[in-house]
Protein backbone atom coordinates (compact mmCIF):
# COMPACT_ATOMS: atom_id res chain seq x y z
CA MET A 1 14.21 25.92 25.11
CA ASP A 2 14.37 24.92 28.74
CA ILE A 3 13.90 21.52 30.02
CA VAL A 4 10.19 21.91 30.92
CA GLU A 5 9.49 23.08 27.17
CA MET A 6 11.40 20.20 25.85
CA VAL A 7 9.47 17.67 28.12
CA ILE A 8 6.29 19.31 26.91
CA LEU A 9 7.08 19.30 23.44
CA CYS A 10 8.19 15.51 23.70
CA ILE A 11 4.63 14.75 25.28
CA LEU A 12 2.88 16.53 22.53
CA VAL A 13 4.78 14.80 19.86
CA ILE A 14 4.15 11.38 21.30
CA ILE A 15 0.43 12.24 21.45
CA ALA A 16 0.68 13.21 18.00
CA LEU A 17 2.37 9.92 16.99
CA LEU A 18 -0.20 8.11 18.89
CA PHE A 19 -3.17 9.86 17.42
CA ALA A 20 -1.70 9.16 13.85
CA VAL A 21 -1.17 5.72 14.43
CA ILE A 22 -5.04 5.30 15.69
CA ILE A 23 -6.23 6.99 12.51
CA ILE A 24 -3.95 5.10 10.16
CA ARG A 25 -4.88 1.71 11.54
CA THR A 26 -8.38 2.66 11.56
CA ILE A 27 -8.55 3.84 8.13
CA LEU A 28 -6.89 0.75 6.94
CA ASN A 29 -9.25 -1.51 8.54
CA LYS A 30 -11.51 -1.84 5.67
CA SER A 31 -14.98 -2.96 5.64
CA THR A 32 -15.49 -6.47 4.67
CA GLU A 33 -18.46 -8.47 2.47
CA ALA A 34 -20.35 -8.90 5.53
CA LEU A 35 -21.32 -5.32 5.90
CA ASP A 36 -23.60 -5.43 2.57
CA ALA A 37 -24.19 -9.35 2.30
CA LYS A 38 -27.82 -10.41 1.78
CA ILE A 39 -28.86 -13.90 2.06
CA ASP A 40 -30.92 -15.05 -0.80
CA TYR A 41 -34.00 -16.66 0.96
CA LYS A 42 -36.87 -17.62 -1.25
CA GLU A 43 -40.63 -18.05 -0.12
CA ASP A 44 -41.12 -21.22 -2.49
CA GLN A 45 -42.76 -24.33 -2.23
CA ARG A 46 -39.79 -25.87 -0.25
CA ALA A 47 -39.79 -23.47 2.44
CA LEU A 48 -43.79 -24.05 2.81
CA ASP A 49 -43.56 -27.93 2.75
CA TYR A 50 -40.71 -27.52 5.58
CA GLY A 51 -42.67 -25.04 7.46
CA LYS A 52 -45.74 -27.60 7.53
CA MET A 53 -43.32 -30.33 8.91
CA LEU A 54 -41.91 -28.25 11.53
CA SER A 55 -45.46 -27.00 12.67
CA GLU A 56 -46.45 -30.32 13.37
CA MET A 57 -43.40 -30.61 15.58
CA ILE A 58 -44.24 -27.32 17.35
CA ARG A 59 -47.77 -28.38 18.00
CA CYS A 60 -46.44 -31.07 20.13
CA GLU A 61 -46.18 -29.48 23.36
CA THR A 62 -42.71 -30.83 25.11
CA VAL A 63 -42.02 -28.62 27.97
CA SER A 64 -39.68 -30.18 30.18
CA GLY A 65 -39.23 -29.90 33.86
CA ARG A 66 -37.03 -31.40 36.67
CA TYR A 67 -39.55 -32.54 38.81
CA ASP A 68 -41.90 -33.99 36.15
CA SER A 69 -40.93 -37.63 35.55
CA ASP A 70 -43.83 -38.36 32.95
CA LYS A 71 -42.02 -38.60 29.51
CA SER A 72 -45.24 -39.77 27.71
CA LYS A 73 -45.08 -36.29 25.63
CA PHE A 74 -41.80 -36.94 24.39
CA PHE A 75 -42.65 -40.36 23.27
CA HIS A 76 -45.64 -38.95 21.39
CA PHE A 77 -43.02 -36.71 20.11
CA HIS A 78 -41.00 -39.61 18.70
CA LYS A 79 -43.97 -40.93 17.00
CA ILE A 80 -44.35 -37.72 14.94
CA LEU A 81 -40.45 -37.81 14.05
CA GLU A 82 -40.79 -41.54 12.66
CA ARG A 83 -43.55 -40.40 10.34
CA LEU A 84 -41.96 -37.05 9.24
CA PHE A 85 -38.24 -38.67 8.78
CA PRO A 86 -39.27 -42.55 7.97
CA ASN A 87 -35.84 -42.86 6.03
CA ILE A 88 -33.78 -42.07 9.22
CA HIS A 89 -35.71 -44.61 10.96
CA LYS A 90 -35.34 -47.51 8.54
CA THR A 91 -31.52 -46.85 8.00
CA CYS A 92 -30.24 -45.56 11.26
CA GLU A 93 -29.57 -47.06 14.53
CA LYS A 94 -32.03 -45.45 17.04
CA THR A 95 -31.09 -45.69 20.77
CA GLU A 96 -33.87 -44.15 23.23
CA LEU A 97 -32.50 -43.01 26.55
CA LYS A 98 -35.19 -42.02 29.07
CA GLY A 99 -36.77 -39.91 26.30
CA SER A 100 -33.72 -38.64 24.85
CA LEU A 101 -32.67 -39.76 21.13
CA LEU A 102 -29.37 -40.88 19.67
CA PHE A 103 -29.25 -41.89 15.86
CA LYS A 104 -26.38 -43.49 14.19
CA TRP A 105 -25.93 -43.33 10.45
CA LYS A 106 -23.06 -45.82 9.87
CA GLY A 107 -20.52 -44.87 7.27
CA SER A 108 -18.78 -47.12 5.26
CA GLY A 109 -15.09 -45.91 6.08
CA ASN A 110 -12.43 -44.54 8.47
CA GLU A 111 -13.53 -40.72 8.67
CA GLU A 112 -13.85 -39.47 12.27
CA PRO A 113 -17.25 -39.44 13.21
CA ILE A 114 -19.36 -36.16 13.82
CA LEU A 115 -22.40 -35.52 15.96
CA LEU A 116 -25.11 -33.25 15.08
CA MET A 117 -27.61 -32.37 18.05
CA SER A 118 -30.50 -30.12 19.10
CA HIS A 119 -32.85 -30.60 21.83
CA GLN A 120 -36.26 -31.48 21.80
CA ASP A 121 -37.60 -30.08 24.94
CA VAL A 122 -38.76 -26.53 25.40
CA VAL A 123 -39.54 -24.01 28.41
CA GLU A 124 -42.96 -23.19 29.24
CA ALA A 125 -45.10 -20.42 27.48
CA THR A 126 -46.75 -18.11 29.72
CA GLY A 127 -48.23 -14.67 29.12
CA GLU A 128 -50.16 -13.19 26.70
CA TRP A 129 -48.81 -14.25 23.08
CA GLU A 130 -49.90 -12.97 19.54
CA HIS A 131 -50.55 -16.50 18.47
CA GLU A 132 -51.11 -19.45 20.74
CA PRO A 133 -47.66 -20.56 21.49
CA PHE A 134 -48.31 -24.41 20.62
CA SER A 135 -50.30 -23.53 17.47
CA GLY A 136 -47.60 -23.61 14.89
CA GLU A 137 -49.38 -21.06 12.97
CA ILE A 138 -47.84 -19.79 9.78
CA ASP A 139 -49.05 -16.35 9.11
CA ASN A 140 -49.26 -14.26 6.15
CA GLU A 141 -45.68 -12.99 6.36
CA GLY A 142 -44.40 -16.36 6.47
CA LYS A 143 -43.57 -16.63 10.18
CA LEU A 144 -44.27 -19.80 12.02
CA TRP A 145 -45.08 -19.18 15.55
CA GLY A 146 -44.72 -21.25 18.59
CA ARG A 147 -42.33 -22.29 21.45
CA GLY A 148 -39.41 -24.04 20.30
CA THR A 149 -39.28 -22.74 16.58
CA VAL A 150 -36.01 -20.95 17.51
CA ASP A 151 -35.05 -22.92 20.65
CA THR A 152 -34.50 -25.49 19.16
CA LYS A 153 -36.89 -27.40 17.21
CA GLY A 154 -36.05 -25.23 14.15
CA SER A 155 -32.49 -26.59 14.04
CA LEU A 156 -33.60 -30.29 15.04
CA PHE A 157 -35.83 -30.33 12.06
CA CYS A 158 -33.26 -29.10 9.67
CA LEU A 159 -30.65 -31.43 10.85
CA LEU A 160 -32.99 -34.41 10.81
CA ASN A 161 -34.29 -33.45 7.31
CA ALA A 162 -30.74 -32.96 5.92
CA VAL A 163 -29.89 -36.66 6.77
CA GLU A 164 -33.40 -37.70 5.55
CA GLU A 165 -32.94 -36.08 2.19
CA LEU A 166 -29.12 -37.48 1.96
CA ILE A 167 -30.10 -40.96 2.51
CA LYS A 168 -33.17 -40.54 -0.22
CA GLU A 169 -30.48 -39.22 -2.60
CA GLY A 170 -28.44 -42.29 -2.15
CA PHE A 171 -25.46 -40.57 -0.27
CA THR A 172 -23.42 -42.65 2.09
CA PRO A 173 -21.08 -40.93 4.50
CA ASN A 174 -17.38 -42.38 4.56
CA GLY A 175 -17.66 -41.81 8.41
CA ASP A 176 -20.42 -42.20 10.98
CA VAL A 177 -22.86 -39.48 11.40
CA TYR A 178 -24.71 -39.28 14.86
CA MET A 179 -27.89 -37.38 15.66
CA ALA A 180 -28.63 -36.37 19.37
CA SER A 181 -31.82 -34.84 20.81
CA SER A 182 -31.72 -34.52 24.65
CA CYS A 183 -35.46 -34.12 26.27
CA THR A 184 -33.79 -32.49 29.40
CA GLU A 185 -31.59 -29.70 27.91
CA GLU A 186 -33.61 -26.99 29.58
CA PHE A 187 -32.65 -27.76 33.01
CA SER A 188 -29.39 -29.57 32.36
CA GLY A 189 -30.81 -33.07 33.12
CA GLU A 190 -29.75 -36.50 32.61
CA GLY A 191 -30.38 -36.65 28.64
CA ALA A 192 -27.17 -35.51 27.53
CA PRO A 193 -24.86 -36.87 30.15
CA LEU A 194 -26.51 -40.46 29.39
CA THR A 195 -25.90 -39.99 25.65
CA VAL A 196 -22.35 -39.28 26.29
CA GLU A 197 -22.22 -42.51 28.79
CA TYR A 198 -23.66 -44.45 25.85
CA LEU A 199 -21.12 -43.15 23.35
CA LYS A 200 -18.45 -43.97 25.57
CA SER A 201 -19.34 -47.46 26.37
CA LYS A 202 -18.78 -47.89 22.47
CA GLY A 203 -15.70 -46.10 22.46
CA VAL A 204 -16.78 -43.33 20.31
CA LYS A 205 -14.55 -40.35 19.81
CA LEU A 206 -16.01 -37.50 17.72
CA GLY A 207 -14.03 -35.49 15.48
CA LEU A 208 -16.65 -32.39 15.46
CA LEU A 209 -19.89 -31.76 17.39
CA LEU A 210 -22.36 -29.03 16.48
CA ASP A 211 -25.13 -27.93 18.76
CA GLU A 212 -27.25 -25.14 19.40
CA GLY A 213 -25.49 -21.67 20.17
CA GLY A 214 -25.03 -18.47 18.12
CA MET A 215 -27.27 -18.12 14.95
CA ILE A 216 -27.04 -15.66 11.87
CA MET A 217 -28.07 -12.21 12.68
CA GLU A 218 -27.65 -8.84 11.61
CA GLU A 219 -25.82 -6.19 13.77
CA PRO A 220 -24.96 -8.70 16.34
CA ILE A 221 -23.75 -6.18 18.64
CA GLY A 222 -24.86 -2.33 18.70
CA GLY A 223 -22.77 -0.28 16.19
CA VAL A 224 -21.64 -3.33 13.97
CA LYS A 225 -23.38 -3.49 10.55
CA GLY A 226 -23.65 -6.52 8.52
CA THR A 227 -24.60 -9.82 8.62
CA TYR A 228 -22.83 -12.64 10.57
CA ALA A 229 -22.82 -16.28 11.73
CA MET A 230 -21.95 -16.42 15.41
CA LEU A 231 -20.08 -19.38 16.42
CA GLY A 232 -19.91 -20.27 20.29
CA VAL A 233 -16.35 -21.50 21.06
CA LEU A 234 -16.35 -20.97 24.95
CA GLU A 235 -19.02 -21.93 27.15
CA LYS A 236 -18.62 -20.74 30.93
CA GLY A 237 -19.04 -22.87 33.93
CA TYR A 238 -22.21 -22.86 35.94
CA GLY A 239 -22.95 -22.65 39.60
CA ASP A 240 -25.75 -21.98 42.09
CA LEU A 241 -24.67 -20.75 45.69
CA LYS A 242 -26.85 -20.04 48.69
CA PHE A 243 -25.98 -17.28 51.07
CA ILE A 244 -26.97 -18.13 54.46
CA ALA A 245 -27.07 -15.29 57.30
CA LYS A 246 -28.18 -16.33 60.79
CA GLY A 247 -29.78 -14.33 63.67
CA SER A 248 -31.50 -14.49 67.09
CA GLY A 249 -34.92 -13.31 65.44
CA GLY A 250 -37.25 -11.49 67.75
CA HIS A 251 -40.16 -8.96 67.38
CA ALA A 252 -40.12 -6.50 64.58
CA SER A 253 -41.34 -4.00 66.76
CA ALA A 254 -37.73 -3.53 68.46
CA PRO A 255 -35.36 -4.37 65.59
CA THR A 256 -31.80 -5.08 66.53
CA LYS A 257 -28.59 -3.92 64.26
CA ASN A 258 -27.35 -6.32 61.79
CA THR A 259 -30.06 -8.58 61.23
CA PRO A 260 -29.76 -11.33 58.83
CA ILE A 261 -31.58 -9.63 55.95
CA ALA A 262 -29.43 -6.30 56.71
CA ARG A 263 -26.15 -8.34 56.50
CA LEU A 264 -27.11 -10.09 53.25
CA ALA A 265 -28.18 -6.84 51.66
CA ALA A 266 -24.75 -5.19 52.76
CA PHE A 267 -23.07 -8.02 50.91
CA ILE A 268 -25.03 -7.76 47.77
CA GLN A 269 -24.58 -4.10 47.77
CA GLU A 270 -20.91 -4.73 47.87
CA VAL A 271 -20.76 -7.37 45.24
CA GLU A 272 -22.92 -4.99 42.72
CA LYS A 273 -20.87 -1.73 43.43
CA HIS A 274 -17.35 -3.29 43.33
CA ASN A 275 -16.90 -6.22 40.97
CA PRO A 276 -14.94 -8.59 42.65
CA PHE A 277 -13.95 -11.01 39.57
CA THR A 278 -10.94 -10.29 37.51
CA VAL A 279 -11.68 -8.84 33.82
CA LYS A 280 -9.60 -10.22 31.16
CA PHE A 281 -9.90 -10.27 27.29
CA ASN A 282 -9.51 -13.89 26.34
CA ASP A 283 -8.49 -15.03 22.81
CA SER A 284 -12.01 -15.75 21.74
CA THR A 285 -13.17 -12.27 22.28
CA ILE A 286 -10.30 -10.68 20.93
CA GLU A 287 -10.74 -12.48 17.92
CA MET A 288 -14.37 -11.88 17.93
CA PHE A 289 -13.81 -8.01 18.06
CA ARG A 290 -11.13 -8.14 15.21
CA ARG A 291 -13.64 -9.83 12.81
CA LEU A 292 -16.17 -7.39 13.74
CA SER A 293 -14.33 -4.26 13.76
CA PRO A 294 -13.94 -3.61 10.13
CA ASN A 295 -17.66 -2.98 9.98
CA MET A 296 -18.02 -0.88 12.91
CA ASN A 297 -18.95 2.81 13.08
CA PHE A 298 -15.89 4.73 13.02
CA GLY A 299 -15.57 5.84 16.74
CA MET A 300 -15.96 2.01 17.72
CA LYS A 301 -13.62 0.87 14.64
CA ALA A 302 -10.98 3.41 16.26
CA VAL A 303 -11.06 1.82 19.61
CA PHE A 304 -11.25 -1.88 18.79
CA SER A 305 -8.66 -1.72 15.89
CA ASN A 306 -6.19 -0.37 18.40
CA LEU A 307 -6.80 -2.86 21.31
CA TRP A 308 -3.08 -2.93 21.74
CA LEU A 309 -3.71 0.71 23.25
CA PHE A 310 -7.38 0.78 24.45
CA ARG A 311 -7.49 -2.54 26.18
CA PRO A 312 -6.85 -1.59 29.77
CA LEU A 313 -9.59 1.23 29.32
CA LEU A 314 -12.11 -1.09 27.78
CA LYS A 315 -11.63 -3.53 30.53
CA LYS A 316 -12.69 -0.73 33.24
CA ILE A 317 -15.55 0.42 31.30
CA MET A 318 -16.95 -2.66 29.51
CA PRO A 319 -18.86 -3.84 32.53
CA SER A 320 -20.71 -0.63 32.60
CA ILE A 321 -21.57 -0.40 29.15
CA SER A 322 -22.62 -3.78 28.28
CA ALA A 323 -23.75 -6.60 30.39
CA VAL A 324 -23.43 -9.03 27.39
CA GLY A 325 -19.93 -7.53 26.67
CA ALA A 326 -18.83 -7.80 30.42
CA ALA A 327 -20.25 -11.40 30.89
CA MET A 328 -17.80 -12.42 27.99
CA ILE A 329 -14.78 -11.32 29.81
CA LYS A 330 -15.33 -11.98 33.66
CA THR A 331 -17.17 -14.43 36.02
CA THR A 332 -20.70 -13.25 36.87
CA ILE A 333 -22.98 -13.32 39.61
CA ALA A 334 -26.58 -12.65 39.47
CA PHE A 335 -28.45 -12.71 42.98
CA THR A 336 -31.95 -14.63 42.00
CA THR A 337 -33.91 -15.71 45.07
CA ALA A 338 -34.38 -14.74 48.82
CA LYS A 339 -36.27 -15.61 51.70
CA GLY A 340 -36.39 -14.21 55.34
CA SER A 341 -38.88 -15.04 57.95
CA ASN A 342 -42.53 -16.26 57.49
CA GLY A 343 -44.25 -13.56 59.29
CA LEU A 344 -44.21 -9.69 58.22
CA ASN A 345 -43.65 -8.78 61.93
CA VAL A 346 -40.94 -11.45 62.80
CA LEU A 347 -37.17 -10.68 62.46
CA PRO A 348 -35.62 -13.99 60.85
CA ASN A 349 -33.50 -16.65 62.69
CA GLU A 350 -32.19 -17.49 59.44
CA ALA A 351 -32.27 -15.72 55.92
CA TYR A 352 -30.68 -16.44 52.55
CA VAL A 353 -30.39 -15.19 48.97
CA THR A 354 -29.22 -17.43 46.10
CA GLY A 355 -26.59 -16.32 43.49
CA ASN A 356 -26.37 -17.84 40.10
CA LEU A 357 -22.83 -17.92 38.88
CA ARG A 358 -20.98 -18.06 35.28
CA PHE A 359 -17.63 -19.07 35.64
CA ILE A 360 -15.17 -17.91 33.04
CA PRO A 361 -11.77 -20.03 32.24
CA HIS A 362 -9.29 -17.45 33.45
CA GLN A 363 -11.11 -17.44 36.68
CA GLY A 364 -12.57 -20.76 37.00
CA THR A 365 -15.09 -22.23 39.24
CA ASP A 366 -13.46 -23.03 42.49
CA GLU A 367 -11.08 -19.95 42.65
CA SER A 368 -14.65 -17.77 42.01
CA ILE A 369 -16.61 -19.53 44.57
CA GLU A 370 -13.77 -18.96 47.33
CA LEU A 371 -13.53 -15.57 46.14
CA ILE A 372 -17.27 -14.56 46.49
CA SER A 373 -17.19 -16.75 49.72
CA ASN A 374 -14.65 -14.75 51.33
CA ILE A 375 -16.37 -11.61 50.60
CA ALA A 376 -19.64 -13.14 52.16
CA SER A 377 -17.72 -14.23 55.35
CA LYS A 378 -17.21 -10.54 56.12
CA TYR A 379 -20.60 -10.13 56.77
CA GLY A 380 -21.20 -13.38 58.91
CA ILE A 381 -22.43 -15.24 55.89
CA ARG A 382 -22.09 -19.01 55.03
CA THR A 383 -21.67 -20.00 51.70
CA GLU A 384 -23.52 -23.23 50.61
CA ILE A 385 -22.96 -24.76 47.20
CA ILE A 386 -26.13 -26.15 45.45
CA TYR A 387 -24.66 -26.95 42.31
CA LYS A 388 -21.30 -26.22 40.33
CA ASP A 389 -19.71 -27.47 37.09
CA TYR A 390 -16.76 -25.97 35.30
CA PRO A 391 -15.86 -24.22 32.05
CA CYS A 392 -15.89 -26.00 29.05
CA PRO A 393 -12.35 -26.64 26.97
CA VAL A 394 -12.28 -23.66 24.22
CA VAL A 395 -12.80 -24.40 20.66
CA ASP A 396 -9.55 -23.10 18.94
CA TYR A 397 -10.73 -21.24 15.78
CA LYS A 398 -7.71 -22.06 14.11
CA ARG A 399 -8.15 -25.69 13.94
CA GLU A 400 -9.72 -27.44 11.14
CA PRO A 401 -12.98 -28.27 12.65
CA PHE A 402 -13.94 -24.72 13.10
CA GLY A 403 -12.35 -23.88 9.65
CA ARG A 404 -14.71 -26.75 8.25
CA VAL A 405 -17.73 -25.10 9.71
CA GLU A 406 -16.67 -21.71 8.45
CA LYS A 407 -15.93 -23.22 5.23
CA THR A 408 -19.36 -24.88 5.17
CA ILE A 409 -21.11 -21.37 6.27
CA HIS A 410 -19.16 -19.40 3.31
CA GLU A 411 -20.52 -22.06 0.66
CA ILE A 412 -24.36 -21.89 1.68
CA PHE A 413 -24.17 -18.23 2.99
CA PRO A 414 -21.90 -16.34 0.78
CA GLY A 415 -20.30 -13.03 1.86
CA ILE A 416 -21.55 -13.16 5.59
CA GLY A 417 -19.00 -12.89 8.36
CA VAL A 418 -18.09 -15.97 10.57
CA VAL A 419 -17.37 -14.86 14.05
CA PRO A 420 -16.21 -16.87 17.11
CA TYR A 421 -17.67 -15.87 20.38
CA VAL A 422 -18.09 -16.58 24.21
CA MET A 423 -21.36 -18.22 25.00
CA THR A 424 -22.98 -16.58 28.09
CA GLY A 425 -25.89 -19.51 28.45
CA GLY A 426 -25.40 -23.19 28.46
CA THR A 427 -26.02 -25.99 26.05
CA ASP A 428 -25.75 -29.56 26.17
CA ALA A 429 -22.54 -29.79 24.53
CA LYS A 430 -20.77 -29.04 27.80
CA TYR A 431 -21.03 -32.77 28.51
CA TYR A 432 -19.32 -33.96 25.84
CA LYS A 433 -15.87 -32.59 26.29
CA ASP A 434 -14.45 -35.97 27.14
CA ILE A 435 -15.31 -37.51 23.83
CA CYS A 436 -14.93 -34.43 21.52
CA ARG A 437 -12.23 -31.64 21.53
CA ASP A 438 -14.03 -29.36 19.06
CA CYS A 439 -18.03 -28.62 20.37
CA ILE A 440 -18.90 -25.73 18.17
CA ARG A 441 -22.31 -24.01 19.19
CA PHE A 442 -24.22 -22.77 16.20
CA ALA A 443 -27.44 -23.12 14.51
CA PRO A 444 -27.59 -22.33 10.68
CA LEU A 445 -30.73 -20.08 10.81
CA TYR A 446 -31.16 -16.36 10.48
CA ILE A 447 -33.27 -14.67 13.13
CA ASN A 448 -33.99 -10.74 13.64
CA LYS A 449 -33.75 -8.93 17.01
CA GLN A 450 -37.31 -9.66 17.93
CA GLN A 451 -37.00 -13.55 17.24
CA HIS A 452 -33.74 -13.36 19.46
CA GLU A 453 -35.43 -11.87 22.28
CA SER A 454 -38.21 -14.17 22.03
CA ILE A 455 -36.21 -17.08 23.40
CA HIS A 456 -37.51 -18.27 26.43
CA GLY A 457 -39.92 -14.91 26.26
CA LEU A 458 -43.07 -14.15 24.51
CA ASN A 459 -43.94 -14.61 20.70
CA GLU A 460 -41.35 -17.01 19.62
CA ASN A 461 -41.51 -17.31 15.80
CA ILE A 462 -39.09 -18.15 12.68
CA PHE A 463 -39.32 -17.35 9.23
CA ILE A 464 -40.27 -20.54 7.26
CA LYS A 465 -38.10 -19.21 4.35
CA VAL A 466 -34.82 -19.74 6.15
CA LEU A 467 -35.38 -23.14 6.67
CA PRO A 468 -34.09 -24.44 3.12
CA LYS A 469 -30.79 -23.09 3.78
CA GLY A 470 -30.77 -24.48 7.25
CA VAL A 471 -31.07 -28.00 5.56
CA ASP A 472 -28.64 -27.09 3.01
CA PHE A 473 -25.97 -26.30 5.48
CA TYR A 474 -26.27 -29.51 7.35
CA LYS A 475 -26.18 -31.61 4.07
CA GLN A 476 -23.07 -29.86 3.05
CA LEU A 477 -21.41 -30.09 6.36
CA ILE A 478 -22.09 -33.84 6.48
CA LYS A 479 -20.50 -33.98 3.01
CA ASN A 480 -17.36 -31.69 3.89
CA SER A 481 -16.95 -33.97 6.95
CA THR A 482 -17.58 -37.42 5.50
CA LYS A 483 -16.78 -37.91 2.03
CA ASP A 484 -19.22 -40.00 -0.15
CA SER A 485 -18.25 -43.48 -0.38
């Protein structure tokens, strides 16, 4: 056997060994309970009673807007909350902050305080709905329809009712329990920052914060079977940039080359075709795939059970096969608005496009802005920062607060999987990083694919049968966090 044959043989042996390792690791990655987990939801009187209460909250329209200073609709909503949750208003200290709410349920001991939060404002409800968006109608299938059912009056109802019932049952926590509800979450307004400043002034440090974020879903990613609670542990930074190109203008009948719009188009084309941002599998995403991989189809399981081998390939192809998957592993930019001249036959003296960016921690806000600005400058385009903030601290899924939430989920929803993941959207929790290390984004409500897609879209609705377990989850989390005194 000559040297060439030996080399070929060695290569074939290595390939065979790699293939054997891949197959063995895939086979050993056994399915988990989550694959066949079913939640025992009952359409009983309790679900109907809860549905009627949430319906009343939905019927109160609380659309928020950055340029709408009239808070009267929120004060009307507060009156509804007073009537629905009388024990909270009798027992807890209430602070109103320009329409946003903070309740303090004082504990009798020294356990670290916790904060449960869910915003009261909603986005507008345009388009043709199957049921009127502020009707709060409960149909024959047990679906409650209306803007805010999922985002996020459903979870607001559950957390408030959990405290309401615990007070009625005579429970007293050993540590303070706070409940917060901003009226400006949908446009990143002043509500949450005002709440944080108030808590800072009182010297409050939180042991755990639970805000909206992931929910309970079947098949959260295509090819993954089973039922999972998705817990947001990483929230990306946010930025709005304006890219401005100037020119000499003129009549459109005799156009020059490299006009402002043409340069902006070339800039956008380069960014769209050649991703400028670093792709990296962060620890949270790796853990997400580790927990999901046992219940993937065989092909996906083979890949994600062997990230040690396939990670470089996935970094290359993920942005092409999944927009959501790509958003979890890199900074993203989306071009959202544009403006040129006001005349159809006039070359603009100035044109611009805006870009919405979401910054990943491994290539944060300032580095990402510098990178995209350098690309823009090649085309004679100036970058203006409209708004920027920074990625939030990553919640460590190995720490006790995450484990406490995970334990509570297993107690109320036996068998379902619990998975940390990267939030691609934004929440009010980002403002609390100075007073809480562990800000987890999760609402304990089951939603199907249509309900998930209805967030900020048409036909938002939720099953009333999921509400009792949502209430039970918050009650159990409070008990697990602050022992009964």
